[in-house]
Amino acid sequence: MKPLPPGPLTLAQIQEYVSKMELERGFADSTTVDQALKLAEETGEVCKAVRKSASLSMDPNSRVGELGAELADVLIYVASIANREDIDLGQALRDKELVNEQRTWH
């Protein structure tokens, strides 16, 4: 698989990369439900990594990855779910922010 280009990536580039990566690695047949459950698991791993970086107590037998790697896993699963549901994450973010701009944040 062609490596990601250096520098900042757009959401569209991330979604395209994840789509190709899943085909190459044999994950393309996973369902949206499968990917959503994996996303939830990865989110838990992000929380563990935050606990570790904040020096909070944790199970000494618990395996904890680095925060950046765990966040990358979350991003991959978010892109994967969006791809399965034909959602353009860039447009979804724009649309959601139009709604959020009308909210009161107090």
Protein backbone atom coordinates (compact mmCIF):
# COMPACT_ATOMS: atom_id res chain seq x y z
CA MET A 1 0.00 0.00 0.00
CA LYS A 2 1.21 3.46 -0.84
CA PRO A 3 2.20 5.34 2.37
CA LEU A 4 0.36 8.43 3.49
CA PRO A 5 1.87 11.67 2.18
CA PRO A 6 3.85 13.82 4.61
CA GLY A 7 2.21 16.85 6.19
CA PRO A 8 -1.36 17.56 7.23
CA LEU A 9 -4.13 15.35 5.86
CA THR A 10 -7.66 16.31 4.94
CA LEU A 11 -10.59 14.28 6.21
CA ALA A 12 -11.23 13.22 2.60
CA GLN A 13 -7.65 11.90 2.31
CA ILE A 14 -8.06 9.98 5.57
CA GLN A 15 -11.33 8.44 4.42
CA GLU A 16 -9.81 7.45 1.06
CA TYR A 17 -6.76 5.93 2.73
CA VAL A 18 -8.87 3.94 5.21
CA SER A 19 -11.03 2.63 2.37
CA LYS A 20 -7.99 1.36 0.46
CA MET A 21 -6.33 0.04 3.61
CA GLU A 22 -9.40 -1.98 4.56
CA LEU A 23 -9.56 -3.55 1.11
CA GLU A 24 -5.88 -4.46 1.20
CA ARG A 25 -5.98 -5.87 4.73
CA GLY A 26 -9.23 -7.80 4.33
CA PHE A 27 -11.46 -5.66 6.55
CA ALA A 28 -13.79 -4.34 3.85
CA ASP A 29 -16.49 -6.90 4.67
CA SER A 30 -16.83 -5.78 8.29
CA THR A 31 -20.24 -4.27 8.98
CA THR A 32 -20.99 -0.86 10.39
CA VAL A 33 -22.00 -2.59 13.64
CA ASP A 34 -18.65 -4.44 13.75
CA GLN A 35 -16.76 -1.21 13.24
CA ALA A 36 -18.85 0.71 15.78
CA LEU A 37 -18.15 -1.91 18.45
CA LYS A 38 -14.43 -1.76 17.64
CA LEU A 39 -14.61 2.04 17.85
CA ALA A 40 -16.06 1.75 21.36
CA GLU A 41 -13.23 -0.60 22.36
CA GLU A 42 -10.63 1.79 20.96
CA THR A 43 -12.25 4.70 22.78
CA GLY A 44 -11.73 2.78 26.01
CA GLU A 45 -8.07 2.36 25.09
CA VAL A 46 -7.82 6.15 24.60
CA CYS A 47 -9.19 6.58 28.13
CA LYS A 48 -6.60 4.15 29.48
CA ALA A 49 -3.83 6.07 27.72
CA VAL A 50 -5.12 9.34 29.20
CA ARG A 51 -5.18 7.74 32.67
CA LYS A 52 -1.59 6.65 32.16
CA SER A 53 -0.43 10.08 30.97
CA ALA A 54 -2.21 11.72 33.94
CA SER A 55 -0.51 9.27 36.32
CA LEU A 56 -3.87 8.01 37.60
CA SER A 57 -4.09 4.59 39.24
CA MET A 58 -4.74 1.69 36.94
CA ASP A 59 -4.57 -2.07 36.86
CA PRO A 60 -0.85 -2.89 36.74
CA ASN A 61 -1.59 -5.83 34.42
CA SER A 62 -3.46 -3.65 31.92
CA ARG A 63 -1.81 -3.14 28.55
CA VAL A 64 -1.80 0.53 27.62
CA GLY A 65 -0.78 1.97 24.27
CA GLU A 66 0.50 5.45 23.57
CA LEU A 67 -2.18 8.14 23.33
CA GLY A 68 -1.32 9.14 19.76
CA ALA A 69 -1.56 5.56 18.51
CA GLU A 70 -4.88 5.02 20.28
CA LEU A 71 -6.30 8.26 18.86
CA ALA A 72 -5.18 7.15 15.40
CA ASP A 73 -7.07 3.88 15.88
CA VAL A 74 -10.20 5.86 16.81
CA LEU A 75 -9.80 8.03 13.71
CA ILE A 76 -9.46 4.94 11.52
CA TYR A 77 -12.69 3.46 12.88
CA VAL A 78 -14.56 6.77 12.57
CA ALA A 79 -13.48 7.00 8.91
CA SER A 80 -14.37 3.35 8.39
CA ILE A 81 -17.90 3.84 9.70
CA ALA A 82 -18.35 7.03 7.68
CA ASN A 83 -17.21 5.21 4.54
CA ARG A 84 -19.69 2.38 5.07
CA GLU A 85 -22.52 4.88 5.49
CA ASP A 86 -21.42 7.14 2.59
CA ILE A 87 -20.81 10.07 4.93
CA ASP A 88 -18.37 12.80 3.93
CA LEU A 89 -16.83 13.65 7.30
CA GLY A 90 -15.81 17.12 6.17
CA GLN A 91 -19.40 17.95 5.20
CA ALA A 92 -20.76 16.28 8.33
CA LEU A 93 -18.51 18.50 10.44
CA ARG A 94 -19.63 21.63 8.57
CA ASP A 95 -23.29 20.67 8.95
CA LYS A 96 -22.91 19.92 12.66
CA GLU A 97 -21.10 23.18 13.33
CA LEU A 98 -23.96 25.11 11.69
CA VAL A 99 -26.23 23.52 14.31
CA ASN A 100 -23.73 24.06 17.14
CA GLU A 101 -23.35 27.76 16.29
CA GLN A 102 -27.03 28.22 17.15
CA ARG A 103 -26.64 26.65 20.60
CA THR A 104 -25.97 28.44 23.86
CA TRP A 105 -22.80 27.13 25.52
CA HIS A 106 -23.16 28.01 29.20
